[in-house]
């Protein structure tokens, strides 16, 4: 595995006007992300949009998201290089520096229902994809399918059974879905606490209590998500659905679109 630390940021804009989306995208795509990518400890980072079309398809396929995530507009993630203590120190220092420059993340009308460091669990590459799972994050994509879940007992027997099914049934089946290039799963290490953001702005979550499954897509995210929904329904109908659905609560299940600079704002 090329990295054992990742960072996820979920963002909601209170003002969803085109002008506000442009302001946020210009800051993140042209300032914040480039500054992060130049850090020696950052292996890669990217971001995606949950457009109104993506949100609608997600609701059609998976139902209404949990309240804190119902209005999420963007997700960003970064992969870190070892040594992780050094990489995260550089990351946090840049956060403080950017605040002092007046270019930090404390932007008006921006809410972050989740900021957290996650451990990559397992990566998978679809059989048709030539690259390895470790290379998948660097491979161009058209979007993601994201599933965020919460576990009340992250190390309980039902959670263990659910994880085994995800690894041996759910993900292998979805790797055969047209448009799915691969997948990665992640487990929460800790939520971020940083001086550049209000300390009460992000809810705290116990270690391991949040789980993320990302499907990397190389076809239209909305179209692929509808096919994913059919595959999941077929699994359930065949008796191959989740063995312990009570083990985890789905907080958000949605397609996300890769952002094309200047074209998408």
C-alpha atoms as a PDB file:
ATOM      1  CA  UNK A   1       0.000   0.000   0.000  1.00  0.00           C
ATOM      2  CA  UNK A   2       1.447   3.359  -1.021  1.00  0.00           C
ATOM      3  CA  UNK A   3      -0.263   5.291   1.795  1.00  0.00           C
ATOM      4  CA  UNK A   4      -1.715   4.573   5.221  1.00  0.00           C
ATOM      5  CA  UNK A   5      -3.292   7.996   5.813  1.00  0.00           C
ATOM      6  CA  UNK A   6      -5.957   9.880   3.910  1.00  0.00           C
ATOM      7  CA  UNK A   7      -7.980  12.988   4.637  1.00  0.00           C
ATOM      8  CA  UNK A   8     -11.622  13.595   3.687  1.00  0.00           C
ATOM      9  CA  UNK A   9     -13.494  16.894   3.686  1.00  0.00           C
ATOM     10  CA  UNK A  10     -17.247  17.219   3.107  1.00  0.00           C
ATOM     11  CA  UNK A  11     -18.491  20.742   2.326  1.00  0.00           C
ATOM     12  CA  UNK A  12     -21.926  22.348   2.236  1.00  0.00           C
ATOM     13  CA  UNK A  13     -22.529  25.865   0.914  1.00  0.00           C
ATOM     14  CA  UNK A  14     -25.315  27.780   2.649  1.00  0.00           C
ATOM     15  CA  UNK A  15     -25.707  29.946  -0.451  1.00  0.00           C
ATOM     16  CA  UNK A  16     -26.014  27.667  -3.476  1.00  0.00           C
ATOM     17  CA  UNK A  17     -26.101  30.440  -6.061  1.00  0.00           C
ATOM     18  CA  UNK A  18     -23.786  30.118  -9.097  1.00  0.00           C
ATOM     19  CA  UNK A  19     -21.803  33.116  -7.825  1.00  0.00           C
ATOM     20  CA  UNK A  20     -21.083  31.462  -4.465  1.00  0.00           C
ATOM     21  CA  UNK A  21     -20.145  28.156  -6.105  1.00  0.00           C
ATOM     22  CA  UNK A  22     -17.702  30.064  -8.288  1.00  0.00           C
ATOM     23  CA  UNK A  23     -16.119  31.825  -5.305  1.00  0.00           C
ATOM     24  CA  UNK A  24     -15.643  28.540  -3.459  1.00  0.00           C
ATOM     25  CA  UNK A  25     -14.350  26.643  -6.510  1.00  0.00           C
ATOM     26  CA  UNK A  26     -11.868  29.362  -7.428  1.00  0.00           C
ATOM     27  CA  UNK A  27     -10.471  29.365  -3.893  1.00  0.00           C
ATOM     28  CA  UNK A  28     -10.234  25.583  -3.596  1.00  0.00           C
ATOM     29  CA  UNK A  29      -9.138  24.686  -7.124  1.00  0.00           C
ATOM     30  CA  UNK A  30      -6.758  27.584  -7.784  1.00  0.00           C
ATOM     31  CA  UNK A  31      -5.363  28.287  -4.294  1.00  0.00           C
ATOM     32  CA  UNK A  32      -6.051  25.729  -1.564  1.00  0.00           C
ATOM     33  CA  UNK A  33      -5.535  22.493  -3.518  1.00  0.00           C
ATOM     34  CA  UNK A  34      -2.330  23.608  -5.319  1.00  0.00           C
ATOM     35  CA  UNK A  35      -0.797  24.714  -1.999  1.00  0.00           C
ATOM     36  CA  UNK A  36      -1.628  21.300  -0.508  1.00  0.00           C
ATOM     37  CA  UNK A  37      -0.331  19.334  -3.490  1.00  0.00           C
ATOM     38  CA  UNK A  38       3.084  20.981  -3.349  1.00  0.00           C
ATOM     39  CA  UNK A  39       3.667  19.677   0.197  1.00  0.00           C
ATOM     40  CA  UNK A  40       6.285  16.864   0.145  1.00  0.00           C
ATOM     41  CA  UNK A  41       4.072  14.705   2.361  1.00  0.00           C
ATOM     42  CA  UNK A  42       1.007  14.845   0.087  1.00  0.00           C
ATOM     43  CA  UNK A  43       0.995  12.034  -2.478  1.00  0.00           C
ATOM     44  CA  UNK A  44      -2.165  13.161  -4.277  1.00  0.00           C
ATOM     45  CA  UNK A  45      -5.424  15.008  -3.737  1.00  0.00           C
ATOM     46  CA  UNK A  46      -8.583  15.677  -5.689  1.00  0.00           C
ATOM     47  CA  UNK A  47     -12.147  16.889  -5.251  1.00  0.00           C
ATOM     48  CA  UNK A  48     -15.591  16.163  -6.628  1.00  0.00           C
ATOM     49  CA  UNK A  49     -18.971  17.878  -6.812  1.00  0.00           C
ATOM     50  CA  UNK A  50     -22.314  16.516  -5.668  1.00  0.00           C
ATOM     51  CA  UNK A  51     -24.322  18.329  -8.294  1.00  0.00           C
ATOM     52  CA  UNK A  52     -28.130  18.589  -8.080  1.00  0.00           C
ATOM     53  CA  UNK A  53     -28.341  15.771 -10.633  1.00  0.00           C
ATOM     54  CA  UNK A  54     -26.014  13.580  -8.565  1.00  0.00           C
ATOM     55  CA  UNK A  55     -27.987  14.315  -5.399  1.00  0.00           C
ATOM     56  CA  UNK A  56     -31.269  13.414  -7.092  1.00  0.00           C
ATOM     57  CA  UNK A  57     -29.975  10.122  -8.477  1.00  0.00           C
ATOM     58  CA  UNK A  58     -28.456   9.261  -5.083  1.00  0.00           C
ATOM     59  CA  UNK A  59     -31.836   9.770  -3.421  1.00  0.00           C
ATOM     60  CA  UNK A  60     -33.618   7.708  -6.074  1.00  0.00           C
ATOM     61  CA  UNK A  61     -31.238   4.786  -5.640  1.00  0.00           C
ATOM     62  CA  UNK A  62     -30.388   4.877  -1.925  1.00  0.00           C
ATOM     63  CA  UNK A  63     -32.933   7.120  -0.220  1.00  0.00           C
ATOM     64  CA  UNK A  64     -32.587  10.349   1.745  1.00  0.00           C
ATOM     65  CA  UNK A  65     -29.159  11.020   3.310  1.00  0.00           C
ATOM     66  CA  UNK A  66     -28.691  11.606   7.021  1.00  0.00           C
ATOM     67  CA  UNK A  67     -29.520  15.212   7.974  1.00  0.00           C
ATOM     68  CA  UNK A  68     -25.935  16.533   8.396  1.00  0.00           C
ATOM     69  CA  UNK A  69     -25.056  15.271   4.910  1.00  0.00           C
ATOM     70  CA  UNK A  70     -28.287  15.903   3.004  1.00  0.00           C
ATOM     71  CA  UNK A  71     -27.026  19.164   1.477  1.00  0.00           C
ATOM     72  CA  UNK A  72     -23.362  18.266   0.870  1.00  0.00           C
ATOM     73  CA  UNK A  73     -22.041  19.979  -2.278  1.00  0.00           C
ATOM     74  CA  UNK A  74     -18.379  18.914  -2.448  1.00  0.00           C
ATOM     75  CA  UNK A  75     -15.973  16.243  -1.242  1.00  0.00           C
ATOM     76  CA  UNK A  76     -12.179  16.462  -1.263  1.00  0.00           C
ATOM     77  CA  UNK A  77      -9.614  13.856  -0.295  1.00  0.00           C
ATOM     78  CA  UNK A  78      -5.831  13.689   0.032  1.00  0.00           C
ATOM     79  CA  UNK A  79      -3.385  10.800   0.323  1.00  0.00           C
ATOM     80  CA  UNK A  80      -0.289  11.248   2.520  1.00  0.00           C
ATOM     81  CA  UNK A  81       3.233   9.885   2.264  1.00  0.00           C
ATOM     82  CA  UNK A  82       5.213   8.517   5.238  1.00  0.00           C
ATOM     83  CA  UNK A  83       6.551   9.548   7.678  1.00  0.00           C
ATOM     84  CA  UNK A  84       3.010  10.544   8.605  1.00  0.00           C
ATOM     85  CA  UNK A  85       3.836  12.619  11.677  1.00  0.00           C
ATOM     86  CA  UNK A  86       6.005  14.861   9.497  1.00  0.00           C
ATOM     87  CA  UNK A  87       3.465  14.965   6.660  1.00  0.00           C
ATOM     88  CA  UNK A  88       0.607  15.916   8.975  1.00  0.00           C
ATOM     89  CA  UNK A  89       2.737  18.526  10.755  1.00  0.00           C
ATOM     90  CA  UNK A  90       3.405  20.150   7.361  1.00  0.00           C
ATOM     91  CA  UNK A  91      -0.296  19.911   6.514  1.00  0.00           C
ATOM     92  CA  UNK A  92      -1.362  21.563   9.767  1.00  0.00           C
ATOM     93  CA  UNK A  93       1.314  24.233   9.454  1.00  0.00           C
ATOM     94  CA  UNK A  94       0.039  25.151   5.995  1.00  0.00           C
ATOM     95  CA  UNK A  95      -3.456  25.433   7.447  1.00  0.00           C
ATOM     96  CA  UNK A  96      -2.246  27.919  10.040  1.00  0.00           C
ATOM     97  CA  UNK A  97      -0.078  29.782   7.519  1.00  0.00           C
ATOM     98  CA  UNK A  98      -2.958  30.131   5.052  1.00  0.00           C
ATOM     99  CA  UNK A  99      -5.141  31.515   7.836  1.00  0.00           C
ATOM    100  CA  UNK A 100      -2.486  34.099   8.663  1.00  0.00           C
ATOM    101  CA  UNK A 101      -2.236  35.000   4.969  1.00  0.00           C
ATOM    102  CA  UNK A 102      -5.988  35.594   4.868  1.00  0.00           C
ATOM    103  CA  UNK A 103      -6.380  32.691   2.440  1.00  0.00           C
ATOM    104  CA  UNK A 104      -7.497  29.968   4.831  1.00  0.00           C
ATOM    105  CA  UNK A 105     -10.560  27.717   4.880  1.00  0.00           C
ATOM    106  CA  UNK A 106     -12.630  29.960   7.166  1.00  0.00           C
ATOM    107  CA  UNK A 107     -14.873  31.133   4.320  1.00  0.00           C
ATOM    108  CA  UNK A 108     -18.307  32.740   4.778  1.00  0.00           C
ATOM    109  CA  UNK A 109     -21.232  30.404   4.149  1.00  0.00           C
ATOM    110  CA  UNK A 110     -19.133  27.220   4.181  1.00  0.00           C
ATOM    111  CA  UNK A 111     -20.103  24.397   6.549  1.00  0.00           C
ATOM    112  CA  UNK A 112     -18.102  21.183   6.923  1.00  0.00           C
ATOM    113  CA  UNK A 113     -20.151  18.299   8.374  1.00  0.00           C
ATOM    114  CA  UNK A 114     -17.088  16.048   8.301  1.00  0.00           C
ATOM    115  CA  UNK A 115     -13.334  16.639   8.324  1.00  0.00           C
ATOM    116  CA  UNK A 116     -11.365  13.544   9.173  1.00  0.00           C
ATOM    117  CA  UNK A 117      -8.268  11.419   8.797  1.00  0.00           C
ATOM    118  CA  UNK A 118      -8.966   7.882   7.580  1.00  0.00           C
ATOM    119  CA  UNK A 119      -6.918   4.712   7.212  1.00  0.00           C
ATOM    120  CA  UNK A 120      -7.169   3.014   3.797  1.00  0.00           C
ATOM    121  CA  UNK A 121      -8.429  -0.519   4.386  1.00  0.00           C
ATOM    122  CA  UNK A 122      -8.375  -2.280   1.007  1.00  0.00           C
ATOM    123  CA  UNK A 123      -8.109  -1.281  -2.640  1.00  0.00           C
ATOM    124  CA  UNK A 124      -9.531  -3.093  -5.666  1.00  0.00           C
ATOM    125  CA  UNK A 125      -9.007  -2.658  -9.413  1.00  0.00           C
ATOM    126  CA  UNK A 126     -11.630  -3.893 -11.862  1.00  0.00           C
ATOM    127  CA  UNK A 127     -10.397  -6.816 -14.022  1.00  0.00           C
ATOM    128  CA  UNK A 128     -10.635  -4.671 -17.178  1.00  0.00           C
ATOM    129  CA  UNK A 129      -8.363  -1.968 -15.704  1.00  0.00           C
ATOM    130  CA  UNK A 130      -4.658  -2.461 -16.324  1.00  0.00           C
ATOM    131  CA  UNK A 131      -3.372  -0.502 -13.310  1.00  0.00           C
ATOM    132  CA  UNK A 132      -3.107  -1.719  -9.727  1.00  0.00           C
ATOM    133  CA  UNK A 133      -5.371  -0.597  -6.917  1.00  0.00           C
ATOM    134  CA  UNK A 134      -2.467   1.504  -5.578  1.00  0.00           C
ATOM    135  CA  UNK A 135      -2.295   3.353  -8.916  1.00  0.00           C
ATOM    136  CA  UNK A 136      -6.060   3.843  -9.162  1.00  0.00           C
ATOM    137  CA  UNK A 137      -6.142   7.190  -7.256  1.00  0.00           C
ATOM    138  CA  UNK A 138      -3.748   8.678  -9.830  1.00  0.00           C
ATOM    139  CA  UNK A 139      -5.773   7.405 -12.796  1.00  0.00           C
ATOM    140  CA  UNK A 140      -8.139   9.981 -14.356  1.00  0.00           C
ATOM    141  CA  UNK A 141     -11.775   9.467 -13.428  1.00  0.00           C
ATOM    142  CA  UNK A 142     -15.116  10.995 -14.331  1.00  0.00           C
ATOM    143  CA  UNK A 143     -16.400  10.775 -10.799  1.00  0.00           C
ATOM    144  CA  UNK A 144     -16.975   8.638  -7.749  1.00  0.00           C
ATOM    145  CA  UNK A 145     -19.714   6.709  -6.073  1.00  0.00           C
ATOM    146  CA  UNK A 146     -19.453   7.394  -2.345  1.00  0.00           C
ATOM    147  CA  UNK A 147     -20.986   5.467   0.529  1.00  0.00           C
ATOM    148  CA  UNK A 148     -20.478   6.853   4.042  1.00  0.00           C
ATOM    149  CA  UNK A 149     -21.700   4.726   6.942  1.00  0.00           C
ATOM    150  CA  UNK A 150     -21.665   4.877  10.743  1.00  0.00           C
ATOM    151  CA  UNK A 151     -21.083   1.842  12.988  1.00  0.00           C
ATOM    152  CA  UNK A 152     -22.229   1.840  16.609  1.00  0.00           C
ATOM    153  CA  UNK A 153     -19.871  -1.063  17.445  1.00  0.00           C
ATOM    154  CA  UNK A 154     -16.921  -0.756  15.040  1.00  0.00           C
ATOM    155  CA  UNK A 155     -15.241  -3.889  16.423  1.00  0.00           C
ATOM    156  CA  UNK A 156     -18.349  -5.951  17.084  1.00  0.00           C
ATOM    157  CA  UNK A 157     -19.123  -9.341  15.564  1.00  0.00           C
ATOM    158  CA  UNK A 158     -21.793  -7.942  13.241  1.00  0.00           C
ATOM    159  CA  UNK A 159     -19.395  -5.288  11.941  1.00  0.00           C
ATOM    160  CA  UNK A 160     -16.824  -7.990  11.229  1.00  0.00           C
ATOM    161  CA  UNK A 161     -19.390 -10.020   9.287  1.00  0.00           C
ATOM    162  CA  UNK A 162     -20.434  -6.942   7.351  1.00  0.00           C
ATOM    163  CA  UNK A 163     -16.821  -6.145   6.416  1.00  0.00           C
ATOM    164  CA  UNK A 164     -16.207  -9.709   5.197  1.00  0.00           C
ATOM    165  CA  UNK A 165     -19.325  -9.557   2.986  1.00  0.00           C
ATOM    166  CA  UNK A 166     -18.268  -6.175   1.585  1.00  0.00           C
ATOM    167  CA  UNK A 167     -14.853  -7.614   0.644  1.00  0.00           C
ATOM    168  CA  UNK A 168     -16.033 -10.950  -0.763  1.00  0.00           C
ATOM    169  CA  UNK A 169     -19.479 -10.197  -2.258  1.00  0.00           C
ATOM    170  CA  UNK A 170     -20.527  -6.572  -2.638  1.00  0.00           C
ATOM    171  CA  UNK A 171     -17.357  -5.003  -4.039  1.00  0.00           C
ATOM    172  CA  UNK A 172     -16.368  -7.928  -6.337  1.00  0.00           C
ATOM    173  CA  UNK A 173     -19.855  -7.835  -7.872  1.00  0.00           C
ATOM    174  CA  UNK A 174     -19.683  -4.075  -8.423  1.00  0.00           C
ATOM    175  CA  UNK A 175     -16.229  -4.283 -10.039  1.00  0.00           C
ATOM    176  CA  UNK A 176     -17.967  -5.986 -12.955  1.00  0.00           C
ATOM    177  CA  UNK A 177     -20.403  -3.088 -13.329  1.00  0.00           C
ATOM    178  CA  UNK A 178     -19.835  -1.016 -16.519  1.00  0.00           C
ATOM    179  CA  UNK A 179     -18.118   2.238 -15.642  1.00  0.00           C
ATOM    180  CA  UNK A 180     -16.633   1.044 -12.319  1.00  0.00           C
ATOM    181  CA  UNK A 181     -12.836   1.106 -12.543  1.00  0.00           C
ATOM    182  CA  UNK A 182     -12.104   0.074  -8.963  1.00  0.00           C
ATOM    183  CA  UNK A 183     -12.732   0.747  -5.295  1.00  0.00           C
ATOM    184  CA  UNK A 184     -11.130   1.686  -1.996  1.00  0.00           C
ATOM    185  CA  UNK A 185     -12.467   1.371   1.538  1.00  0.00           C
ATOM    186  CA  UNK A 186     -11.474   3.591   4.484  1.00  0.00           C
ATOM    187  CA  UNK A 187     -11.927   3.589   8.263  1.00  0.00           C
ATOM    188  CA  UNK A 188     -11.926   6.707  10.444  1.00  0.00           C
ATOM    189  CA  UNK A 189      -8.841   7.387  12.544  1.00  0.00           C
ATOM    190  CA  UNK A 190      -9.903  10.733  13.989  1.00  0.00           C
ATOM    191  CA  UNK A 191     -11.794  13.876  13.103  1.00  0.00           C
ATOM    192  CA  UNK A 192      -9.704  16.953  12.382  1.00  0.00           C
ATOM    193  CA  UNK A 193      -9.247  19.633  15.031  1.00  0.00           C
ATOM    194  CA  UNK A 194      -7.367  22.652  13.740  1.00  0.00           C
ATOM    195  CA  UNK A 195      -6.862  26.190  14.973  1.00  0.00           C
ATOM    196  CA  UNK A 196      -7.816  27.619  11.563  1.00  0.00           C
ATOM    197  CA  UNK A 197     -11.417  26.398  12.016  1.00  0.00           C
ATOM    198  CA  UNK A 198     -13.939  26.834  14.858  1.00  0.00           C
ATOM    199  CA  UNK A 199     -13.483  23.890  17.214  1.00  0.00           C
ATOM    200  CA  UNK A 200     -17.230  23.273  17.401  1.00  0.00           C
ATOM    201  CA  UNK A 201     -17.720  23.312  13.629  1.00  0.00           C
ATOM    202  CA  UNK A 202     -17.111  19.580  13.109  1.00  0.00           C
ATOM    203  CA  UNK A 203     -18.809  16.849  15.188  1.00  0.00           C
ATOM    204  CA  UNK A 204     -16.461  14.368  16.819  1.00  0.00           C
ATOM    205  CA  UNK A 205     -16.703  10.642  16.020  1.00  0.00           C
ATOM    206  CA  UNK A 206     -15.007   7.689  17.767  1.00  0.00           C
ATOM    207  CA  UNK A 207     -12.201   5.876  15.975  1.00  0.00           C
ATOM    208  CA  UNK A 208     -13.526   3.315  13.495  1.00  0.00           C
ATOM    209  CA  UNK A 209     -17.109   4.519  13.762  1.00  0.00           C
ATOM    210  CA  UNK A 210     -17.200   5.917  10.214  1.00  0.00           C
ATOM    211  CA  UNK A 211     -16.530   3.902   7.067  1.00  0.00           C
ATOM    212  CA  UNK A 212     -16.160   5.146   3.485  1.00  0.00           C
ATOM    213  CA  UNK A 213     -16.418   3.095   0.309  1.00  0.00           C
ATOM    214  CA  UNK A 214     -15.341   4.840  -2.888  1.00  0.00           C
ATOM    215  CA  UNK A 215     -16.010   3.421  -6.339  1.00  0.00           C
ATOM    216  CA  UNK A 216     -13.849   5.050  -9.016  1.00  0.00           C
ATOM    217  CA  UNK A 217     -15.895   5.731 -12.159  1.00  0.00           C
ATOM    218  CA  UNK A 218     -14.797   6.235 -15.749  1.00  0.00           C
ATOM    219  CA  UNK A 219     -18.286   6.717 -17.192  1.00  0.00           C
ATOM    220  CA  UNK A 220     -21.095   9.164 -16.384  1.00  0.00           C
ATOM    221  CA  UNK A 221     -21.537   9.022 -12.557  1.00  0.00           C
ATOM    222  CA  UNK A 222     -25.326   9.301 -12.624  1.00  0.00           C
ATOM    223  CA  UNK A 223     -25.682   6.568 -15.232  1.00  0.00           C
ATOM    224  CA  UNK A 224     -23.259   4.261 -13.408  1.00  0.00           C
ATOM    225  CA  UNK A 225     -25.043   4.848 -10.091  1.00  0.00           C
ATOM    226  CA  UNK A 226     -28.342   3.687 -11.588  1.00  0.00           C
ATOM    227  CA  UNK A 227     -26.601   0.503 -12.737  1.00  0.00           C
ATOM    228  CA  UNK A 228     -25.040   0.090  -9.285  1.00  0.00           C
ATOM    229  CA  UNK A 229     -28.543   0.336  -7.809  1.00  0.00           C
ATOM    230  CA  UNK A 230     -29.729  -2.474 -10.109  1.00  0.00           C
ATOM    231  CA  UNK A 231     -26.772  -4.658  -9.096  1.00  0.00           C
ATOM    232  CA  UNK A 232     -27.458  -4.092  -5.403  1.00  0.00           C
ATOM    233  CA  UNK A 233     -31.167  -4.861  -5.856  1.00  0.00           C
ATOM    234  CA  UNK A 234     -30.243  -8.086  -7.669  1.00  0.00           C
ATOM    235  CA  UNK A 235     -27.907  -9.072  -4.814  1.00  0.00           C
ATOM    236  CA  UNK A 236     -30.711  -8.542  -2.319  1.00  0.00           C
ATOM    237  CA  UNK A 237     -33.189 -10.505  -4.439  1.00  0.00           C
ATOM    238  CA  UNK A 238     -30.752 -13.409  -4.733  1.00  0.00           C
ATOM    239  CA  UNK A 239     -30.229 -13.554  -0.981  1.00  0.00           C
ATOM    240  CA  UNK A 240     -26.704 -12.162  -1.269  1.00  0.00           C
ATOM    241  CA  UNK A 241     -27.395  -8.842   0.408  1.00  0.00           C
ATOM    242  CA  UNK A 242     -25.819  -7.479   3.582  1.00  0.00           C
ATOM    243  CA  UNK A 243     -25.700 -10.176   6.294  1.00  0.00           C
ATOM    244  CA  UNK A 244     -25.857  -7.651   9.145  1.00  0.00           C
ATOM    245  CA  UNK A 245     -27.444  -4.423   7.879  1.00  0.00           C
ATOM    246  CA  UNK A 246     -28.145  -3.399  11.450  1.00  0.00           C
ATOM    247  CA  UNK A 247     -24.382  -3.073  11.999  1.00  0.00           C
ATOM    248  CA  UNK A 248     -24.101   0.180  10.067  1.00  0.00           C
ATOM    249  CA  UNK A 249     -26.251   3.164   9.183  1.00  0.00           C
ATOM    250  CA  UNK A 250     -25.897   4.724   5.748  1.00  0.00           C
ATOM    251  CA  UNK A 251     -25.312   8.467   6.186  1.00  0.00           C
ATOM    252  CA  UNK A 252     -24.747   9.316   2.531  1.00  0.00           C
ATOM    253  CA  UNK A 253     -24.779   7.306  -0.699  1.00  0.00           C
ATOM    254  CA  UNK A 254     -24.323   9.347  -3.847  1.00  0.00           C
ATOM    255  CA  UNK A 255     -22.529   9.807  -7.134  1.00  0.00           C
ATOM    256  CA  UNK A 256     -19.993  12.635  -7.378  1.00  0.00           C
ATOM    257  CA  UNK A 257     -18.671  14.381 -10.492  1.00  0.00           C
ATOM    258  CA  UNK A 258     -15.036  15.185 -11.153  1.00  0.00           C
ATOM    259  CA  UNK A 259     -14.614  18.967 -11.351  1.00  0.00           C
ATOM    260  CA  UNK A 260     -13.210  20.399 -14.569  1.00  0.00           C
ATOM    261  CA  UNK A 261     -11.550  23.759 -13.764  1.00  0.00           C
ATOM    262  CA  UNK A 262     -13.272  26.801 -15.280  1.00  0.00           C
ATOM    263  CA  UNK A 263     -15.778  24.639 -17.131  1.00  0.00           C
ATOM    264  CA  UNK A 264     -17.744  23.667 -14.016  1.00  0.00           C
ATOM    265  CA  UNK A 265     -18.030  27.082 -12.405  1.00  0.00           C
END
